[in-house]
C-alpha atoms as a PDB file:
ATOM      1  CA  MET A   1       0.000   0.000   0.000  1.00  0.00           C
ATOM      2  CA  GLY A   2       1.689   3.203  -1.107  1.00  0.00           C
ATOM      3  CA  LEU A   3       1.590   5.970   1.453  1.00  0.00           C
ATOM      4  CA  THR A   4       2.774   9.505   0.839  1.00  0.00           C
ATOM      5  CA  ARG A   5       3.809  11.615   3.790  1.00  0.00           C
ATOM      6  CA  VAL A   6       2.068  14.958   3.544  1.00  0.00           C
ATOM      7  CA  LYS A   7       3.080  16.911   6.643  1.00  0.00           C
ATOM      8  CA  ASP A   8       3.446  16.768  10.406  1.00  0.00           C
ATOM      9  CA  VAL A   9       0.677  18.282  12.481  1.00  0.00           C
ATOM     10  CA  PRO A  10       0.771  19.161  16.167  1.00  0.00           C
ATOM     11  CA  TYR A  11      -1.239  16.773  18.306  1.00  0.00           C
ATOM     12  CA  THR A  12      -2.080  16.848  21.989  1.00  0.00           C
ATOM     13  CA  ALA A  13      -3.335  13.642  23.540  1.00  0.00           C
ATOM     14  CA  PRO A  14      -6.413  14.075  25.743  1.00  0.00           C
ATOM     15  CA  GLY A  15      -5.258  14.965  29.255  1.00  0.00           C
ATOM     16  CA  ALA A  16      -1.607  15.251  28.206  1.00  0.00           C
ATOM     17  CA  ARG A  17       0.619  18.126  29.265  1.00  0.00           C
ATOM     18  CA  PHE A  18       2.857  17.924  26.228  1.00  0.00           C
ATOM     19  CA  HIS A  19       2.638  18.154  22.477  1.00  0.00           C
ATOM     20  CA  PHE A  20       4.134  15.809  19.942  1.00  0.00           C
ATOM     21  CA  ARG A  21       4.038  15.642  16.198  1.00  0.00           C
ATOM     22  CA  GLU A  22       1.918  13.000  14.530  1.00  0.00           C
ATOM     23  CA  PRO A  23       2.636  12.201  10.888  1.00  0.00           C
ATOM     24  CA  VAL A  24      -0.237  12.729   8.497  1.00  0.00           C
ATOM     25  CA  VAL A  25      -0.249  10.399   5.535  1.00  0.00           C
ATOM     26  CA  MET A  26      -2.267  10.355   2.370  1.00  0.00           C
ATOM     27  CA  LEU A  27      -3.074   7.199   0.470  1.00  0.00           C
ATOM     28  CA  ASP A  28      -2.250   6.936  -3.203  1.00  0.00           C
ATOM     29  CA  ALA A  29      -5.150   7.842  -5.484  1.00  0.00           C
ATOM     30  CA  ALA A  30      -5.778   4.159  -6.229  1.00  0.00           C
ATOM     31  CA  HIS A  31      -6.751   3.633  -2.562  1.00  0.00           C
ATOM     32  CA  CYS A  32      -9.086   6.635  -2.321  1.00  0.00           C
ATOM     33  CA  GLN A  33     -12.828   6.812  -2.889  1.00  0.00           C
ATOM     34  CA  ARG A  34     -13.248   8.629  -6.205  1.00  0.00           C
ATOM     35  CA  ILE A  35     -15.826  11.423  -6.374  1.00  0.00           C
ATOM     36  CA  GLU A  36     -16.376  12.870  -9.838  1.00  0.00           C
ATOM     37  CA  ILE A  37     -18.064  16.051 -11.047  1.00  0.00           C
ATOM     38  CA  ALA A  38     -19.089  16.093 -14.700  1.00  0.00           C
ATOM     39  CA  HIS A  39     -20.888  18.558 -16.950  1.00  0.00           C
ATOM     40  CA  VAL A  40     -23.878  17.082 -18.773  1.00  0.00           C
ATOM     41  CA  SER A  41     -26.478  18.655 -21.040  1.00  0.00           C
ATOM     42  CA  GLU A  42     -28.878  19.168 -18.090  1.00  0.00           C
ATOM     43  CA  GLY A  43     -26.283  20.725 -15.752  1.00  0.00           C
ATOM     44  CA  TRP A  44     -23.798  18.905 -13.517  1.00  0.00           C
ATOM     45  CA  ILE A  45     -23.718  15.448 -11.942  1.00  0.00           C
ATOM     46  CA  VAL A  46     -21.755  14.085  -9.013  1.00  0.00           C
ATOM     47  CA  THR A  47     -20.822  10.418  -8.773  1.00  0.00           C
ATOM     48  CA  GLU A  48     -19.337   8.547  -5.835  1.00  0.00           C
ATOM     49  CA  GLY A  49     -17.524   5.345  -6.696  1.00  0.00           C
ATOM     50  CA  GLY A  50     -19.279   5.267 -10.076  1.00  0.00           C
ATOM     51  CA  ARG A  51     -22.788   5.678  -8.592  1.00  0.00           C
ATOM     52  CA  LEU A  52     -24.878   8.791  -9.171  1.00  0.00           C
ATOM     53  CA  ALA A  53     -24.920  10.986  -6.059  1.00  0.00           C
ATOM     54  CA  GLY A  54     -26.920  13.899  -7.485  1.00  0.00           C
ATOM     55  CA  ARG A  55     -27.782  16.261 -10.343  1.00  0.00           C
ATOM     56  CA  PHE A  56     -27.219  20.002 -10.001  1.00  0.00           C
ATOM     57  CA  GLU A  57     -27.844  23.174 -11.993  1.00  0.00           C
ATOM     58  CA  THR A  58     -24.492  24.826 -11.191  1.00  0.00           C
ATOM     59  CA  VAL A  59     -20.940  23.633 -10.730  1.00  0.00           C
ATOM     60  CA  GLU A  60     -20.868  25.387  -7.341  1.00  0.00           C
ATOM     61  CA  THR A  61     -23.699  23.267  -5.947  1.00  0.00           C
ATOM     62  CA  ALA A  62     -22.085  20.159  -7.442  1.00  0.00           C
ATOM     63  CA  TYR A  63     -18.849  20.971  -5.592  1.00  0.00           C
ATOM     64  CA  GLN A  64     -20.781  21.590  -2.370  1.00  0.00           C
ATOM     65  CA  GLN A  65     -22.271  18.104  -2.661  1.00  0.00           C
ATOM     66  CA  ALA A  66     -18.886  16.558  -3.492  1.00  0.00           C
ATOM     67  CA  LEU A  67     -17.303  18.202  -0.447  1.00  0.00           C
ATOM     68  CA  ALA A  68     -20.188  17.071   1.771  1.00  0.00           C
ATOM     69  CA  ILE A  69     -19.552  13.502   0.584  1.00  0.00           C
ATOM     70  CA  CYS A  70     -15.842  13.941   1.380  1.00  0.00           C
ATOM     71  CA  ASP A  71     -16.726  15.129   4.891  1.00  0.00           C
ATOM     72  CA  ASP A  72     -18.958  12.093   5.460  1.00  0.00           C
ATOM     73  CA  LEU A  73     -16.265   9.723   4.202  1.00  0.00           C
ATOM     74  CA  PHE A  74     -13.633  11.460   6.351  1.00  0.00           C
ATOM     75  CA  GLU A  75     -15.807  10.926   9.441  1.00  0.00           C
ATOM     76  CA  GLN A  76     -15.871   7.210   8.550  1.00  0.00           C
ATOM     77  CA  GLY A  77     -12.085   7.137   8.109  1.00  0.00           C
ATOM     78  CA  VAL A  78     -12.315   6.690   4.330  1.00  0.00           C
ATOM     79  CA  PRO A  79      -9.932   8.774   2.194  1.00  0.00           C
ATOM     80  CA  SER A  80     -11.426  10.419  -0.888  1.00  0.00           C
ATOM     81  CA  ARG A  81     -10.538  12.639  -3.817  1.00  0.00           C
ATOM     82  CA  VAL A  82     -12.691  14.891  -5.992  1.00  0.00           C
ATOM     83  CA  TYR A  83     -12.152  15.057  -9.749  1.00  0.00           C
ATOM     84  CA  GLU A  84     -13.810  17.414 -12.211  1.00  0.00           C
ATOM     85  CA  LEU A  85     -14.009  15.574 -15.507  1.00  0.00           C
ATOM     86  CA  PRO A  86     -13.269  17.513 -18.707  1.00  0.00           C
ATOM     87  CA  GLN A  87     -16.221  18.335 -20.918  1.00  0.00           C
ATOM     88  CA  ALA A  88     -16.715  16.116 -23.934  1.00  0.00           C
ATOM     89  CA  ALA A  89     -15.979  17.809 -27.254  1.00  0.00           C
END
């Protein structure tokens, strides 16, 4: 499993009187839940893992939904990435 070290963040254990640095790692894209935003003739769609998560009139509302999905996945301990797909010619 490929891990990429992103940065160190300060961390204080509950009840501790000291700080230490905990490494933050990010999984390679292949190990992340893929969330896609795509422009379609009726507006924008968001998919999560290949399943439709919603249809939206603007790209802004599509991104809001994608970020809400990321937040939910983060709370479950699941890494995710958002991709905006290029428009078809």
